[in-house]
Amino acid sequence: MNAIAEFARIRIAPLAAEDDPHAFHVRLLRRNATRLAPALPSPDWIRNMLLDAGATMDEGLFVERERRVVAQRAARAPDAADGFLRWFEDLPSTGPGQGDPLFPWLARHANMEQMRWFLTQEAAGEAGFDDLVALTQVRFPTRAKLEMARNYWDEMGRGNESGMHGPMLAAVVAQLDLRPTPEVTVWESLALANLMVALAANRRYAYHAIGALGVIEMTAPTRVAHVNDGLRRLGVPSSARLYFQLHAGLDIKHSLAWNREVIGPLVAEDPTVAPAIAEGALMRLEAGARCFARYRARFGLAPGVGP
C-alpha cells in the first residue's frame, strides 16, 4: 500500500479539547519517550510516521492552547533588547507561580511522606535539561550557540560522569526510593514535561524554547534551595541532596550568562523574536504554577498560607 493510501486509511483525530488531561499527557509523554530514543531503520517507517501524525497534531494543539493563555501579556514585553531584558529579569518577581508558598512550607513543615510525593511528581516531570538545550541550540547564531554549549557542558559534568546533573537527579530518586511513573503523576507535571519537549523539538518554537529554558535557570534557585532545606531538616544526607545544592548556586550563574549571551543578543539582532521568547517564558511559568497549585491542593494548603 502506498503512503497516500495508508494515510487515507489511518484515522487521525487530534484532540481538540483535553477531556481527560491525564490520559492525554500520558500518551504524549510515552510518544516523546519513543520519539527521542535512539533507534534503527525500520521497513515500517512510513506507516509509523503516518501513525504519529495524530500525536504531532495533538502536540501542536496543546502548545497553541498554552500560547493563547499568555499571548496578550507576552505582547506587552518591550522589543528593544535592554527593555526586554529588564522585563524578562523581572519575571522572578512578577511571573506566574513566583513566590508560591508551597516551597517555604516544604522547607519548614513537610513530612517525609509529603516530600517524597512532591519529589516523585517533580522527577516524573523532568524532561532532561541537557537534552532540551542540545535540541534547542541547532542553527542559532554563534554567540548564543556558544553559551548554550557552555550550559550543556556544565549539565554534562564537564566531561565527568560524577558531575552530570541527570544522574544526580536519578540518585535522589534511587536514594529516596521514589517510583516516578506516569500513572502516579498528576497531569500538570506531565504537561510541563510535554511542553518543554514540544518547544525544544519543533523548530517553529525554537525561540519559545529559549525563553522557557532561560526562565527555568532564572527562577529555579530559590525553589531548589527550599527543597534542599526541607530535605536537610528531614535528615536526608548531603549525598542525596547534591542535585539541589548544586542548582541553588549554579543556576544563578547560568541565568546571568543566558540572559547576557543568548536572550539579549537575539532580541538585539531581531526584535521580532521578542514576543516568542516572552511567550515561552510565560508558558513555562504558567505550567509550573499549575503544578504548584495542584501540589498545594494535595497537601491541603490554601494559596498564600501555610498549614
Protein backbone atom coordinates (compact mmCIF):
# COMPACT_ATOMS: atom_id res chain seq x y z
CA MET A 1 0.00 0.00 0.00
CA ASN A 2 1.47 3.37 -0.96
CA ALA A 3 1.88 6.20 1.52
CA ILE A 4 -1.12 8.21 0.32
CA ALA A 5 -3.44 5.22 0.59
CA GLU A 6 -2.06 4.39 4.01
CA PHE A 7 -2.62 7.98 5.15
CA ALA A 8 -6.21 7.82 3.92
CA ARG A 9 -6.78 4.56 5.78
CA ILE A 10 -5.46 5.70 9.15
CA ARG A 11 -7.90 7.73 11.23
CA ILE A 12 -6.14 10.81 12.54
CA ALA A 13 -8.15 12.65 15.17
CA PRO A 14 -6.22 15.36 17.00
CA LEU A 15 -7.58 16.15 20.44
CA ALA A 16 -9.40 19.46 20.23
CA ALA A 17 -10.03 19.66 23.97
CA GLU A 18 -8.42 17.79 26.83
CA ASP A 19 -11.48 15.97 28.22
CA ASP A 20 -9.12 13.64 30.09
CA PRO A 21 -5.89 15.61 30.53
CA HIS A 22 -4.11 12.84 32.41
CA ALA A 23 -4.69 10.26 29.66
CA PHE A 24 -3.79 12.85 27.03
CA HIS A 25 -0.47 13.76 28.63
CA VAL A 26 0.42 10.15 29.39
CA ARG A 27 0.04 9.44 25.66
CA LEU A 28 2.22 12.42 24.73
CA LEU A 29 4.82 11.51 27.34
CA ARG A 30 5.09 7.95 26.06
CA ARG A 31 5.21 9.18 22.48
CA ASN A 32 8.05 11.53 23.38
CA ALA A 33 9.98 8.72 25.04
CA THR A 34 9.84 6.77 21.79
CA ARG A 35 10.32 9.83 19.62
CA LEU A 36 13.59 10.88 21.27
CA ALA A 37 15.09 7.43 21.85
CA PRO A 38 17.88 6.27 19.53
CA ALA A 39 16.54 3.71 17.08
CA LEU A 40 17.35 1.80 13.90
CA PRO A 41 15.75 1.95 10.45
CA SER A 42 12.52 0.03 10.10
CA PRO A 43 10.76 -1.13 6.94
CA ASP A 44 7.57 0.28 8.51
CA TRP A 45 8.94 3.81 8.81
CA ILE A 46 6.33 5.38 6.51
CA ARG A 47 3.45 3.73 8.32
CA ASN A 48 4.94 4.67 11.70
CA MET A 49 5.33 8.28 10.59
CA LEU A 50 1.71 8.40 9.49
CA LEU A 51 0.54 6.83 12.72
CA ASP A 52 2.48 9.52 14.58
CA ALA A 53 0.80 12.33 12.66
CA GLY A 54 -2.16 12.41 15.05
CA ALA A 55 0.15 12.78 18.05
CA THR A 56 2.06 15.52 16.24
CA MET A 57 -1.17 17.47 15.73
CA ASP A 58 -2.27 16.83 19.33
CA GLU A 59 1.03 18.26 20.50
CA GLY A 60 0.65 21.31 18.28
CA LEU A 61 -2.89 21.98 19.51
CA PHE A 62 -1.70 21.65 23.11
CA VAL A 63 1.12 24.16 22.59
CA GLU A 64 -1.16 26.61 20.79
CA ARG A 65 -3.63 26.47 23.68
CA GLU A 66 -0.77 27.26 26.05
CA ARG A 67 0.29 30.16 23.82
CA ARG A 68 -3.18 31.67 23.86
CA VAL A 69 -3.12 31.83 27.66
CA VAL A 70 -0.05 34.09 27.69
CA ALA A 71 -0.20 35.83 24.31
CA GLN A 72 -1.60 39.17 25.48
CA ARG A 73 0.84 39.51 28.35
CA ALA A 74 3.78 38.47 26.16
CA ALA A 75 2.81 41.03 23.53
CA ARG A 76 3.35 43.79 26.08
CA ALA A 77 7.02 42.91 26.53
CA PRO A 78 9.39 45.52 25.03
CA ASP A 79 11.07 44.60 21.76
CA ALA A 80 14.24 46.63 22.35
CA ALA A 81 16.97 44.43 23.85
CA ASP A 82 17.63 46.45 27.01
CA GLY A 83 13.95 46.89 27.78
CA PHE A 84 13.19 43.26 27.03
CA LEU A 85 15.93 42.06 29.37
CA ARG A 86 14.57 44.27 32.15
CA TRP A 87 11.12 42.79 31.55
CA PHE A 88 12.48 39.24 31.44
CA GLU A 89 14.66 39.64 34.53
CA ASP A 90 11.65 40.92 36.48
CA LEU A 91 9.78 37.63 35.97
CA PRO A 92 11.06 36.07 39.24
CA SER A 93 9.04 38.82 40.97
CA THR A 94 6.11 39.22 38.59
CA GLY A 95 5.77 35.91 36.73
CA PRO A 96 3.13 33.21 37.31
CA GLY A 97 3.84 30.93 40.25
CA GLN A 98 6.67 33.01 41.68
CA GLY A 99 6.84 33.26 45.45
CA ASP A 100 4.47 30.32 45.79
CA PRO A 101 4.00 29.43 49.48
CA LEU A 102 4.43 25.75 48.67
CA PHE A 103 8.22 25.97 48.83
CA PRO A 104 8.69 27.66 52.22
CA TRP A 105 6.18 25.09 53.51
CA LEU A 106 8.26 22.25 52.08
CA ALA A 107 11.33 23.73 53.75
CA ARG A 108 9.72 24.14 57.18
CA HIS A 109 6.78 21.79 57.59
CA ALA A 110 6.51 18.91 55.09
CA ASN A 111 6.98 15.42 56.49
CA MET A 112 8.95 12.74 54.66
CA GLU A 113 5.90 11.18 53.03
CA GLN A 114 4.81 14.56 51.68
CA MET A 115 8.33 15.39 50.49
CA ARG A 116 8.66 12.04 48.74
CA TRP A 117 5.34 12.55 46.95
CA PHE A 118 6.41 16.02 45.83
CA LEU A 119 9.76 14.78 44.54
CA THR A 120 8.08 11.91 42.72
CA GLN A 121 5.96 14.41 40.81
CA GLU A 122 8.95 16.60 40.04
CA ALA A 123 11.07 13.67 38.86
CA ALA A 124 8.33 12.44 36.55
CA GLY A 125 8.00 15.94 35.07
CA GLU A 126 11.74 16.34 34.43
CA ALA A 127 12.31 16.46 30.67
CA GLY A 128 16.14 16.50 30.84
CA PHE A 129 17.61 19.99 30.68
CA ASP A 130 20.74 18.79 28.88
CA ASP A 131 18.77 17.24 26.03
CA LEU A 132 16.46 20.25 25.79
CA VAL A 133 19.43 22.60 25.42
CA ALA A 134 21.02 20.32 22.83
CA LEU A 135 17.81 20.23 20.78
CA THR A 136 17.29 23.98 21.05
CA GLN A 137 20.75 25.20 20.06
CA VAL A 138 20.64 23.91 16.47
CA ARG A 139 21.45 26.64 13.90
CA PHE A 140 21.35 29.53 16.35
CA PRO A 141 23.92 32.35 15.91
CA THR A 142 27.42 31.72 17.22
CA ARG A 143 27.25 33.81 20.37
CA ALA A 144 24.02 32.20 21.57
CA LYS A 145 25.19 28.76 20.47
CA LEU A 146 28.42 29.05 22.44
CA GLU A 147 26.61 29.96 25.65
CA MET A 148 24.20 27.06 25.18
CA ALA A 149 27.24 24.83 24.64
CA ARG A 150 28.77 26.04 27.91
CA ASN A 151 25.48 25.41 29.68
CA TYR A 152 25.26 21.93 28.18
CA TRP A 153 28.85 21.18 29.21
CA ASP A 154 28.00 22.06 32.81
CA GLU A 155 24.90 19.85 32.63
CA MET A 156 27.20 17.06 31.44
CA GLY A 157 29.52 17.46 34.40
CA ARG A 158 32.22 19.00 32.21
CA GLY A 159 33.00 15.55 30.92
CA ASN A 160 32.89 13.75 34.29
CA GLU A 161 30.12 11.24 34.88
CA SER A 162 30.02 12.00 38.60
CA GLY A 163 29.20 15.64 37.84
CA MET A 164 26.38 15.03 35.33
CA HIS A 165 23.15 16.63 36.50
CA GLY A 166 20.80 13.97 35.13
CA PRO A 167 22.41 11.13 37.12
CA MET A 168 22.42 13.38 40.20
CA LEU A 169 18.63 13.58 40.00
CA ALA A 170 18.48 9.83 39.37
CA ALA A 171 20.50 9.38 42.57
CA VAL A 172 17.87 11.35 44.51
CA VAL A 173 15.18 9.06 43.09
CA ALA A 174 17.16 5.94 44.00
CA GLN A 175 18.23 7.02 47.50
CA LEU A 176 14.71 8.08 48.48
CA ASP A 177 13.20 5.01 46.79
CA LEU A 178 10.88 7.07 44.60
CA ARG A 179 8.78 5.46 41.86
CA PRO A 180 8.04 8.23 39.31
CA THR A 181 5.70 6.63 36.77
CA PRO A 182 3.12 8.41 34.61
CA GLU A 183 0.29 6.54 36.30
CA VAL A 184 1.06 8.08 39.73
CA THR A 185 1.95 11.52 38.40
CA VAL A 186 -0.55 14.39 38.25
CA TRP A 187 -1.31 15.59 34.75
CA GLU A 188 0.04 19.05 35.46
CA SER A 189 3.54 17.67 35.94
CA LEU A 190 3.28 15.53 32.80
CA ALA A 191 2.06 18.57 30.86
CA LEU A 192 5.10 20.56 31.96
CA ALA A 193 7.44 17.87 30.62
CA ASN A 194 5.47 17.59 27.39
CA LEU A 195 5.52 21.35 26.92
CA MET A 196 9.29 21.55 27.25
CA VAL A 197 9.86 18.71 24.77
CA ALA A 198 7.42 20.25 22.32
CA LEU A 199 9.18 23.63 22.40
CA ALA A 200 12.67 22.16 22.03
CA ALA A 201 11.85 19.51 19.42
CA ASN A 202 9.84 21.68 17.00
CA ARG A 203 11.84 24.38 15.26
CA ARG A 204 8.81 26.66 14.93
CA TYR A 205 9.01 27.00 18.73
CA ALA A 206 12.80 27.40 18.96
CA TYR A 207 12.60 30.96 20.32
CA HIS A 208 9.89 29.87 22.74
CA ALA A 209 12.33 27.21 23.99
CA ILE A 210 14.97 29.92 24.50
CA GLY A 211 12.59 31.82 26.77
CA ALA A 212 11.40 28.71 28.62
CA LEU A 213 14.91 27.40 29.29
CA GLY A 214 16.13 30.83 30.33
CA VAL A 215 13.32 31.33 32.81
CA ILE A 216 13.98 27.92 34.37
CA GLU A 217 17.57 28.92 35.08
CA MET A 218 16.44 32.25 36.48
CA THR A 219 13.64 31.08 38.78
CA ALA A 220 14.82 27.65 39.97
CA PRO A 221 17.49 28.60 42.56
CA THR A 222 15.09 29.84 45.24
CA ARG A 223 12.81 26.81 44.87
CA VAL A 224 15.57 24.21 44.94
CA ALA A 225 17.15 25.93 47.97
CA HIS A 226 13.85 25.49 49.85
CA VAL A 227 13.67 21.83 48.81
CA ASN A 228 17.24 21.31 49.98
CA ASP A 229 16.41 22.95 53.31
CA GLY A 230 13.42 20.67 53.75
CA LEU A 231 15.41 17.54 52.94
CA ARG A 232 18.16 18.58 55.35
CA ARG A 233 15.57 19.19 58.09
CA LEU A 234 14.23 15.68 57.48
CA GLY A 235 17.69 14.17 57.90
CA VAL A 236 18.39 13.35 54.25
CA PRO A 237 22.19 13.11 53.84
CA SER A 238 24.12 15.58 51.73
CA SER A 239 24.90 12.91 49.13
CA ALA A 240 21.18 12.65 48.33
CA ARG A 241 20.78 16.45 48.22
CA LEU A 242 23.65 17.23 45.87
CA TYR A 243 21.36 17.92 42.90
CA PHE A 244 19.51 20.61 44.84
CA GLN A 245 22.62 22.06 46.47
CA LEU A 246 24.30 22.42 43.08
CA HIS A 247 21.38 24.06 41.31
CA ALA A 248 20.74 26.52 44.12
CA GLY A 249 24.01 28.22 43.19
CA LEU A 250 25.00 27.21 39.67
CA ASP A 251 21.70 28.21 38.07
CA ILE A 252 22.23 31.80 39.19
CA LYS A 253 25.42 31.93 37.12
CA HIS A 254 23.75 30.12 34.24
CA SER A 255 20.89 32.60 34.26
CA LEU A 256 23.13 35.67 34.15
CA ALA A 257 25.09 34.22 31.23
CA TRP A 258 21.96 33.02 29.38
CA ASN A 259 20.36 36.45 29.57
CA ARG A 260 23.56 38.26 28.56
CA GLU A 261 24.77 35.91 25.82
CA VAL A 262 21.59 34.38 24.43
CA ILE A 263 18.45 36.41 25.00
CA GLY A 264 19.87 39.93 24.80
CA PRO A 265 21.82 39.40 21.56
CA LEU A 266 18.97 37.53 19.86
CA VAL A 267 16.49 40.32 20.56
CA ALA A 268 19.04 42.99 19.61
CA GLU A 269 19.65 41.29 16.27
CA ASP A 270 15.97 40.67 15.51
CA PRO A 271 13.35 42.37 17.73
CA THR A 272 10.57 40.33 16.10
CA VAL A 273 11.64 37.29 18.15
CA ALA A 274 10.94 39.04 21.46
CA PRO A 275 7.24 38.01 21.69
CA ALA A 276 8.13 34.35 21.07
CA ILE A 277 10.80 34.38 23.80
CA ALA A 278 8.34 36.11 26.13
CA GLU A 279 5.62 33.57 25.34
CA GLY A 280 7.97 30.67 26.01
CA ALA A 281 8.99 32.07 29.38
CA LEU A 282 5.41 32.74 30.44
CA MET A 283 4.20 29.35 29.18
CA ARG A 284 6.82 27.59 31.30
CA LEU A 285 5.93 29.68 34.34
CA GLU A 286 2.19 29.04 33.87
CA ALA A 287 2.84 25.31 33.60
CA GLY A 288 4.88 25.43 36.80
CA ALA A 289 2.21 27.47 38.58
CA ARG A 290 -0.39 24.81 37.68
CA CYS A 291 1.85 22.19 39.28
CA PHE A 292 2.35 24.21 42.45
CA ALA A 293 -1.41 24.75 42.83
CA ARG A 294 -2.08 21.02 42.35
CA TYR A 295 0.62 20.12 44.89
CA ARG A 296 -0.80 22.57 47.43
CA ALA A 297 -4.24 21.05 46.95
CA ARG A 298 -2.78 17.61 47.65
CA PHE A 299 -1.30 18.89 50.91
CA GLY A 300 -4.40 20.84 51.92
CA LEU A 301 -2.68 24.22 51.67
CA ALA A 302 -4.60 27.34 50.75
CA PRO A 303 -2.89 29.86 48.45
CA GLY A 304 -0.67 32.20 50.44
CA VAL A 305 -0.87 30.38 53.75
CA GLY A 306 0.83 27.51 55.49
CA PRO A 307 -0.78 24.53 57.23
